[in-house]
Amino acid sequence: MTNLSYILLQQGAAPGGGLGNFGFIGMMIVIFAIMYFMMIRPQQKRQKEIQKMRENMKVGDKVVTAGGIHGKIKEINDTNFLVEIAENVRIRVDKASVFASSSDVPAGN
């Protein structure tokens, strides 16, 4: 991909290359559009799904934190969860650090 874009840029920069200034601008727009649809848009969609999942969590749901800790929600506050990771062992984690419910994560070996 980079070799092709380099060749096209060289043709546009050369006098009488055919692409000219408008060709260069058009190519930059195409590159940005490809980046948007291949990288930015899917990431935004995934973030919306994660946010929706966090809003729908309730007490008793099993979750996995960003650090890989599995537990069960015991209490929900505005910005954090109280998660029980073992009997009578509870930790308070930020809502942003909970990225999946245990049912969404495949079982280990």
Protein backbone atom coordinates (compact mmCIF):
# COMPACT_ATOMS: atom_id res chain seq x y z
CA MET A 1 0.00 0.00 0.00
CA THR A 2 2.77 2.45 0.87
CA ASN A 3 4.66 1.73 -2.38
CA LEU A 4 1.53 2.38 -4.43
CA SER A 5 0.81 5.65 -2.63
CA TYR A 6 4.45 6.69 -3.02
CA ILE A 7 4.32 6.07 -6.78
CA LEU A 8 1.06 7.99 -7.11
CA LEU A 9 2.46 10.90 -5.09
CA GLN A 10 5.58 10.98 -7.30
CA GLN A 11 3.45 11.09 -10.44
CA GLY A 12 1.37 13.92 -9.01
CA ALA A 13 4.45 15.92 -8.03
CA ALA A 14 6.16 15.60 -11.41
CA PRO A 15 5.37 18.27 -14.02
CA GLY A 16 2.78 16.87 -16.38
CA GLY A 17 2.32 13.85 -14.11
CA GLY A 18 -1.39 13.85 -14.69
CA LEU A 19 -2.71 13.98 -11.12
CA GLY A 20 -1.89 17.59 -10.28
CA ASN A 21 -2.99 19.31 -7.07
CA PHE A 22 -6.58 18.14 -7.30
CA GLY A 23 -5.44 14.54 -7.75
CA PHE A 24 -3.30 14.78 -4.63
CA ILE A 25 -6.16 16.23 -2.58
CA GLY A 26 -8.53 13.60 -3.94
CA MET A 27 -6.10 10.83 -3.06
CA MET A 28 -5.73 12.18 0.48
CA ILE A 29 -9.52 12.18 0.85
CA VAL A 30 -9.67 8.56 -0.34
CA ILE A 31 -6.93 7.54 2.11
CA PHE A 32 -8.76 9.25 4.97
CA ALA A 33 -12.05 7.58 3.98
CA ILE A 34 -10.38 4.16 3.95
CA MET A 35 -8.84 4.80 7.38
CA TYR A 36 -12.21 5.95 8.74
CA PHE A 37 -14.16 2.92 7.55
CA MET A 38 -11.44 0.39 8.39
CA MET A 39 -10.24 1.71 11.76
CA ILE A 40 -12.16 4.58 13.35
CA ARG A 41 -15.77 3.55 12.73
CA PRO A 42 -15.46 -0.05 14.03
CA GLN A 43 -13.73 1.21 17.18
CA GLN A 44 -16.51 3.74 17.84
CA LYS A 45 -19.13 1.03 17.32
CA ARG A 46 -17.34 -1.29 19.79
CA GLN A 47 -17.12 1.50 22.39
CA LYS A 48 -20.86 2.13 22.11
CA GLU A 49 -21.56 -1.59 22.63
CA ILE A 50 -19.34 -1.68 25.72
CA GLN A 51 -21.02 1.45 27.15
CA LYS A 52 -24.47 -0.05 26.56
CA MET A 53 -23.38 -3.30 28.26
CA ARG A 54 -22.11 -1.36 31.31
CA GLU A 55 -25.40 0.55 31.59
CA ASN A 56 -27.39 -2.71 31.52
CA MET A 57 -25.40 -4.46 34.27
CA LYS A 58 -27.19 -5.26 37.48
CA VAL A 59 -26.39 -6.66 40.91
CA GLY A 60 -25.51 -10.35 40.65
CA ASP A 61 -24.00 -10.19 37.15
CA LYS A 62 -20.62 -11.85 36.71
CA VAL A 63 -17.98 -9.52 35.23
CA VAL A 64 -14.33 -9.38 34.16
CA THR A 65 -12.22 -6.31 34.84
CA ALA A 66 -9.57 -4.90 32.52
CA GLY A 67 -6.98 -6.48 34.83
CA GLY A 68 -8.50 -9.93 34.29
CA ILE A 69 -10.21 -10.24 37.67
CA HIS A 70 -13.43 -12.27 37.58
CA GLY A 71 -16.14 -11.48 40.09
CA LYS A 72 -19.79 -10.83 40.80
CA ILE A 73 -21.35 -7.37 41.13
CA LYS A 74 -22.61 -6.72 44.67
CA GLU A 75 -23.31 -2.99 44.46
CA ILE A 76 -23.59 -0.38 41.70
CA ASN A 77 -22.76 3.31 42.19
CA ASP A 78 -22.61 6.20 39.72
CA THR A 79 -18.95 5.71 38.80
CA ASN A 80 -17.98 2.30 40.18
CA PHE A 81 -18.98 -1.26 41.02
CA LEU A 82 -18.43 -3.22 44.22
CA VAL A 83 -17.27 -6.61 42.95
CA GLU A 84 -16.98 -9.76 45.07
CA ILE A 85 -14.00 -11.78 43.85
CA ALA A 86 -14.07 -14.42 46.58
CA GLU A 87 -16.22 -15.14 49.61
CA ASN A 88 -16.21 -11.97 51.76
CA VAL A 89 -13.53 -10.38 49.53
CA ARG A 90 -14.85 -7.31 47.74
CA ILE A 91 -13.12 -4.68 45.67
CA ARG A 92 -14.37 -1.40 44.28
CA VAL A 93 -13.60 -0.95 40.59
CA ASP A 94 -14.28 1.92 38.22
CA LYS A 95 -17.05 1.24 35.70
CA ALA A 96 -14.63 1.97 32.86
CA SER A 97 -12.40 -0.94 33.94
CA VAL A 98 -15.20 -3.51 33.56
CA PHE A 99 -15.16 -4.56 29.93
CA ALA A 100 -17.14 -7.81 29.75
CA SER A 101 -19.54 -10.00 31.58
CA SER A 102 -18.23 -13.48 32.34
CA SER A 103 -20.67 -15.02 29.90
CA ASP A 104 -19.05 -13.02 27.06
CA VAL A 105 -15.56 -14.33 27.80
CA PRO A 106 -14.58 -17.81 26.54
CA ALA A 107 -13.64 -20.35 29.20
CA GLY A 108 -9.95 -21.03 29.76
CA ASN A 109 -8.15 -24.36 29.40
